[in-house]
Amino acid sequence: MTKKFFYVLLIVFCIFLPSTKFSDAYRSKSNVKTIEEISCSILDNDYPLRIIDNPKITIKNSNILLHFDIDKEFESVNDFNKFTSFDYFSKKLRYQLFTNHNKTTLYNHDFTFIANTKKDSYEYTNKLPNEQLVFKTRSQLIMNNEIIYTSNEFKKKFNEIASLFPREKINGYDDFEIFMYGYEFFNTMTKRGRYYDPETDNNLVVKAVKDKFGITTEEYEKIYEKYYLLY
C-alpha cells in the first residue's frame, strides 16, 4: 500500500466517522422529539387530571425510557387503576408510533416508565415479544420492587373493562360489535398471531370489516383506536 493511498483512506475515514456520529446524534434527538410530541398530545387529550405528567425521555438501544411526575392522588388508587394509567399511555404511544411514525421503527422498542412519590417507587414495563405483532405486548407494574399487576390479570377482566366504554352506532351497528368482529377475524385467520403476515393480513382484516358492516377505513380506524386498550 503506497503512502498516498494510505493518506486518502485516512482522510475518508476522518470525514466519514464524524458525519456518522453526527447523523446518529441527529436521529436520536429527532426520535426523542417525536416521542415528546406524541406524549404531550396523549396527556392533553386523555389525561385531564394529569395523574401522570411531564415525561422525560431517554432512548437507549431498543428501549424507550420515560420518567414521569405523578400526582399525590396516585397512591390512593387501586393497583388496577395504577396499572391502567401507565398501560393506556403505553398503548396509545405505540399506536401513534406505528400508525403515524412507522418509518422510525420506534414502535418496535420496549417501553419502561419510571415514577416515584415520597413513599413509593414504580416501574412499568411494556415488552414486545414478537416484533411483527406490534399490538401483542406484555406488561407489568412493579411497586417497591414487587410486581403488583400484569397484562395477564388485565386480560382476565376483558368483559368488565369493555363494558366501561360508551357504545356508538356506526352505519346502524354497535361499534364494539364491529371491533370484536375484526378482532376475532384476525385471530382466526392468523391462528392468534402465529401466522401473521403484516404485508397482507392487515388489509384483509380491514376489507373483511368494511365488507360486512359497510363502513369506511377511517371509521374502522377510529373504532380500533377507541378499543385498542382491550388488546
Protein backbone atom coordinates (compact mmCIF):
# COMPACT_ATOMS: atom_id res chain seq x y z
CA MET A 1 0.00 0.00 0.00
CA THR A 2 1.50 3.34 -1.04
CA LYS A 3 1.71 6.26 1.35
CA LYS A 4 -0.54 8.28 -0.97
CA PHE A 5 -3.26 5.63 -0.89
CA PHE A 6 -2.94 5.33 2.90
CA TYR A 7 -3.43 9.07 3.34
CA VAL A 8 -6.51 9.01 1.09
CA LEU A 9 -8.03 6.24 3.23
CA LEU A 10 -7.22 8.16 6.39
CA ILE A 11 -8.90 11.31 5.08
CA VAL A 12 -12.00 9.39 4.03
CA PHE A 13 -12.20 7.70 7.45
CA CYS A 14 -11.81 11.01 9.28
CA ILE A 15 -14.60 12.55 7.21
CA PHE A 16 -16.99 9.60 7.37
CA LEU A 17 -16.75 8.81 11.09
CA PRO A 18 -17.71 12.27 12.42
CA SER A 19 -20.53 12.53 9.89
CA THR A 20 -21.87 9.14 11.00
CA LYS A 21 -21.77 10.20 14.65
CA PHE A 22 -23.50 13.47 13.76
CA SER A 23 -26.18 11.57 11.82
CA ASP A 24 -26.80 9.20 14.76
CA ALA A 25 -27.00 12.10 17.21
CA TYR A 26 -29.42 13.96 14.95
CA ARG A 27 -31.59 10.86 14.57
CA SER A 28 -31.63 10.34 18.34
CA LYS A 29 -32.70 13.93 19.00
CA SER A 30 -35.35 13.66 16.30
CA ASN A 31 -36.71 10.44 17.83
CA VAL A 32 -36.87 11.99 21.30
CA LYS A 33 -38.71 14.99 19.88
CA THR A 34 -41.21 12.68 18.14
CA ILE A 35 -41.96 10.88 21.41
CA GLU A 36 -42.22 14.19 23.29
CA GLU A 37 -44.80 15.49 20.81
CA ILE A 38 -46.87 12.31 20.95
CA SER A 39 -46.65 12.20 24.76
CA CYS A 40 -47.89 15.79 25.09
CA SER A 41 -50.79 15.02 22.76
CA ILE A 42 -51.79 11.92 24.76
CA LEU A 43 -51.63 13.77 28.07
CA ASP A 44 -53.59 16.74 26.70
CA ASN A 45 -56.34 14.59 25.17
CA ASP A 46 -56.63 11.66 27.58
CA TYR A 47 -55.27 12.72 30.98
CA PRO A 48 -57.19 15.86 32.02
CA LEU A 49 -56.36 15.28 35.68
CA ARG A 50 -52.68 14.77 34.85
CA ILE A 51 -52.28 11.88 37.27
CA ILE A 52 -49.08 11.21 35.33
CA ASP A 53 -47.24 14.14 33.76
CA ASN A 54 -44.02 15.75 32.47
CA PRO A 55 -42.33 12.71 30.90
CA LYS A 56 -38.55 12.95 30.50
CA ILE A 57 -37.44 10.74 27.64
CA THR A 58 -34.34 8.67 27.00
CA ILE A 59 -33.78 6.19 24.19
CA LYS A 60 -31.12 3.54 24.67
CA ASN A 61 -30.62 0.64 22.29
CA SER A 62 -34.14 -0.78 21.76
CA ASN A 63 -35.71 0.64 24.93
CA ILE A 64 -37.65 3.87 25.37
CA LEU A 65 -37.46 5.14 28.95
CA LEU A 66 -39.84 7.76 30.33
CA HIS A 67 -39.56 9.29 33.79
CA PHE A 68 -42.93 10.68 34.91
CA ASP A 69 -44.07 13.04 37.62
CA ILE A 70 -47.14 11.61 39.34
CA ASP A 71 -49.92 13.26 41.29
CA LYS A 72 -50.09 12.62 45.04
CA GLU A 73 -53.54 11.07 44.50
CA PHE A 74 -51.85 8.23 42.60
CA GLU A 75 -51.01 6.48 45.87
CA SER A 76 -54.67 6.25 46.86
CA VAL A 77 -55.94 4.43 43.73
CA ASN A 78 -56.02 0.64 43.49
CA ASP A 79 -53.44 -1.48 41.69
CA PHE A 80 -55.66 -1.98 38.64
CA ASN A 81 -56.03 1.77 38.09
CA LYS A 82 -52.34 2.37 38.69
CA PHE A 83 -51.52 -0.22 36.05
CA THR A 84 -54.10 1.14 33.61
CA SER A 85 -52.75 4.69 33.97
CA PHE A 86 -49.44 3.53 32.53
CA ASP A 87 -50.76 0.82 30.23
CA TYR A 88 -53.17 3.10 28.41
CA PHE A 89 -50.42 5.65 27.84
CA SER A 90 -48.11 2.91 26.60
CA LYS A 91 -50.64 1.55 24.12
CA LYS A 92 -51.55 4.99 22.81
CA LEU A 93 -47.87 5.80 22.35
CA ARG A 94 -47.15 2.57 20.47
CA TYR A 95 -50.27 3.01 18.34
CA GLN A 96 -49.26 6.53 17.32
CA LEU A 97 -45.69 5.46 16.59
CA PHE A 98 -46.94 2.58 14.45
CA THR A 99 -49.64 4.41 12.50
CA ASN A 100 -48.07 7.85 12.07
CA HIS A 101 -44.32 7.39 12.53
CA ASN A 102 -43.64 3.83 11.41
CA LYS A 103 -40.58 4.81 9.38
CA THR A 104 -38.66 5.29 12.63
CA THR A 105 -39.30 1.69 13.88
CA LEU A 106 -39.67 3.17 17.38
CA TYR A 107 -42.92 1.22 17.65
CA ASN A 108 -40.82 -1.96 17.91
CA HIS A 109 -38.99 -0.75 21.03
CA ASP A 110 -39.70 -1.90 24.56
CA PHE A 111 -41.04 0.75 26.95
CA THR A 112 -40.06 1.43 30.55
CA PHE A 113 -41.86 4.05 32.67
CA ILE A 114 -40.44 5.22 35.99
CA ALA A 115 -42.27 7.30 38.61
CA ASN A 116 -41.70 7.99 42.28
CA THR A 117 -43.54 9.51 45.21
CA LYS A 118 -42.09 10.22 48.63
CA LYS A 119 -43.45 6.87 49.74
CA ASP A 120 -43.33 4.56 46.72
CA SER A 121 -41.36 3.85 43.56
CA TYR A 122 -42.99 2.50 40.39
CA GLU A 123 -41.59 0.80 37.32
CA TYR A 124 -43.87 -0.14 34.44
CA THR A 125 -42.52 -2.24 31.56
CA ASN A 126 -44.13 -3.00 28.22
CA LYS A 127 -42.30 -5.53 26.07
CA LEU A 128 -42.85 -6.73 22.52
CA PRO A 129 -42.08 -10.48 22.33
CA ASN A 130 -42.69 -10.59 18.56
CA GLU A 131 -41.79 -7.51 16.50
CA GLN A 132 -44.36 -8.42 13.86
CA LEU A 133 -47.19 -8.49 16.40
CA VAL A 134 -46.98 -4.85 17.34
CA PHE A 135 -50.13 -4.87 19.47
CA LYS A 136 -49.44 -8.13 21.32
CA THR A 137 -47.37 -6.81 24.19
CA ARG A 138 -46.66 -7.99 27.71
CA SER A 139 -46.59 -5.54 30.56
CA GLN A 140 -46.30 -5.36 34.31
CA LEU A 141 -46.22 -2.77 37.06
CA ILE A 142 -43.72 -3.03 39.89
CA MET A 143 -44.10 -1.04 43.10
CA ASN A 144 -41.20 -1.02 45.56
CA ASN A 145 -39.57 -3.98 43.75
CA GLU A 146 -42.72 -6.10 43.89
CA ILE A 147 -44.98 -6.92 40.93
CA ILE A 148 -48.47 -5.62 41.73
CA TYR A 149 -50.26 -6.04 38.38
CA THR A 150 -49.70 -7.60 34.95
CA SER A 151 -51.25 -7.62 31.50
CA ASN A 152 -52.39 -11.23 32.08
CA GLU A 153 -54.50 -10.09 35.02
CA PHE A 154 -55.83 -7.21 32.94
CA LYS A 155 -56.98 -9.55 30.14
CA LYS A 156 -58.98 -11.62 32.63
CA LYS A 157 -61.18 -8.54 33.14
CA PHE A 158 -61.88 -8.13 29.41
CA ASN A 159 -65.69 -8.09 29.65
CA GLU A 160 -65.71 -5.87 32.72
CA ILE A 161 -63.38 -3.34 31.09
CA ALA A 162 -65.21 -3.47 27.75
CA SER A 163 -68.46 -2.53 29.50
CA LEU A 164 -66.90 0.78 30.61
CA PHE A 165 -66.63 2.06 27.04
CA PRO A 166 -69.64 4.07 25.79
CA ARG A 167 -71.18 2.37 22.76
CA GLU A 168 -71.79 4.20 19.50
CA LYS A 169 -73.71 3.30 16.37
CA ILE A 170 -71.77 3.26 13.10
CA ASN A 171 -73.87 2.65 9.99
CA GLY A 172 -76.51 1.07 12.25
CA TYR A 173 -74.08 -1.28 14.00
CA ASP A 174 -72.72 -1.24 17.55
CA ASP A 175 -69.09 -0.10 17.28
CA PHE A 176 -67.98 -2.71 19.82
CA GLU A 177 -69.56 -5.43 17.65
CA ILE A 178 -67.51 -4.13 14.73
CA PHE A 179 -64.34 -4.15 16.81
CA MET A 180 -64.91 -7.70 18.04
CA TYR A 181 -65.59 -8.95 14.51
CA GLY A 182 -62.22 -7.58 13.35
CA TYR A 183 -60.52 -8.94 16.45
CA GLU A 184 -61.90 -12.45 16.01
CA PHE A 185 -61.34 -12.39 12.24
CA PHE A 186 -57.66 -11.60 12.85
CA ASN A 187 -57.29 -14.35 15.46
CA THR A 188 -58.97 -16.95 13.25
CA MET A 189 -57.03 -16.01 10.13
CA THR A 190 -53.62 -15.91 11.83
CA LYS A 191 -54.15 -18.60 14.49
CA ARG A 192 -53.95 -15.88 17.16
CA GLY A 193 -50.95 -14.25 15.55
CA ARG A 194 -48.78 -17.33 15.00
CA TYR A 195 -49.01 -16.99 11.20
CA TYR A 196 -49.38 -13.24 10.98
CA ASP A 197 -48.10 -11.57 7.80
CA PRO A 198 -48.36 -7.78 8.16
CA GLU A 199 -47.83 -7.26 4.43
CA THR A 200 -51.22 -8.79 3.62
CA ASP A 201 -53.18 -9.58 6.80
CA ASN A 202 -53.83 -6.00 7.94
CA ASN A 203 -55.52 -5.18 4.64
CA LEU A 204 -57.51 -8.43 4.71
CA VAL A 205 -58.92 -7.61 8.16
CA VAL A 206 -59.87 -4.08 7.14
CA LYS A 207 -61.50 -5.32 3.93
CA ALA A 208 -63.49 -8.00 5.79
CA VAL A 209 -64.80 -5.44 8.30
CA LYS A 210 -65.67 -2.90 5.60
CA ASP A 211 -67.48 -5.51 3.51
CA LYS A 212 -69.53 -6.85 6.41
CA PHE A 213 -70.54 -3.54 8.03
CA GLY A 214 -70.41 -1.11 5.11
CA ILE A 215 -68.11 1.34 6.87
CA THR A 216 -65.06 3.27 5.69
CA THR A 217 -61.42 2.60 6.53
CA GLU A 218 -61.34 5.83 8.55
CA GLU A 219 -64.37 4.77 10.61
CA TYR A 220 -62.81 1.39 11.39
CA GLU A 221 -59.51 3.02 12.37
CA LYS A 222 -61.35 5.24 14.88
CA ILE A 223 -63.17 2.22 16.34
CA TYR A 224 -59.91 0.26 16.55
CA GLU A 225 -58.11 3.08 18.34
CA LYS A 226 -61.02 3.53 20.77
CA TYR A 227 -60.99 -0.12 21.91
CA TYR A 228 -57.26 -0.67 21.47
CA LEU A 229 -56.77 -0.73 25.24
CA LEU A 230 -58.55 -4.09 25.28
CA TYR A 231 -55.78 -5.82 23.33
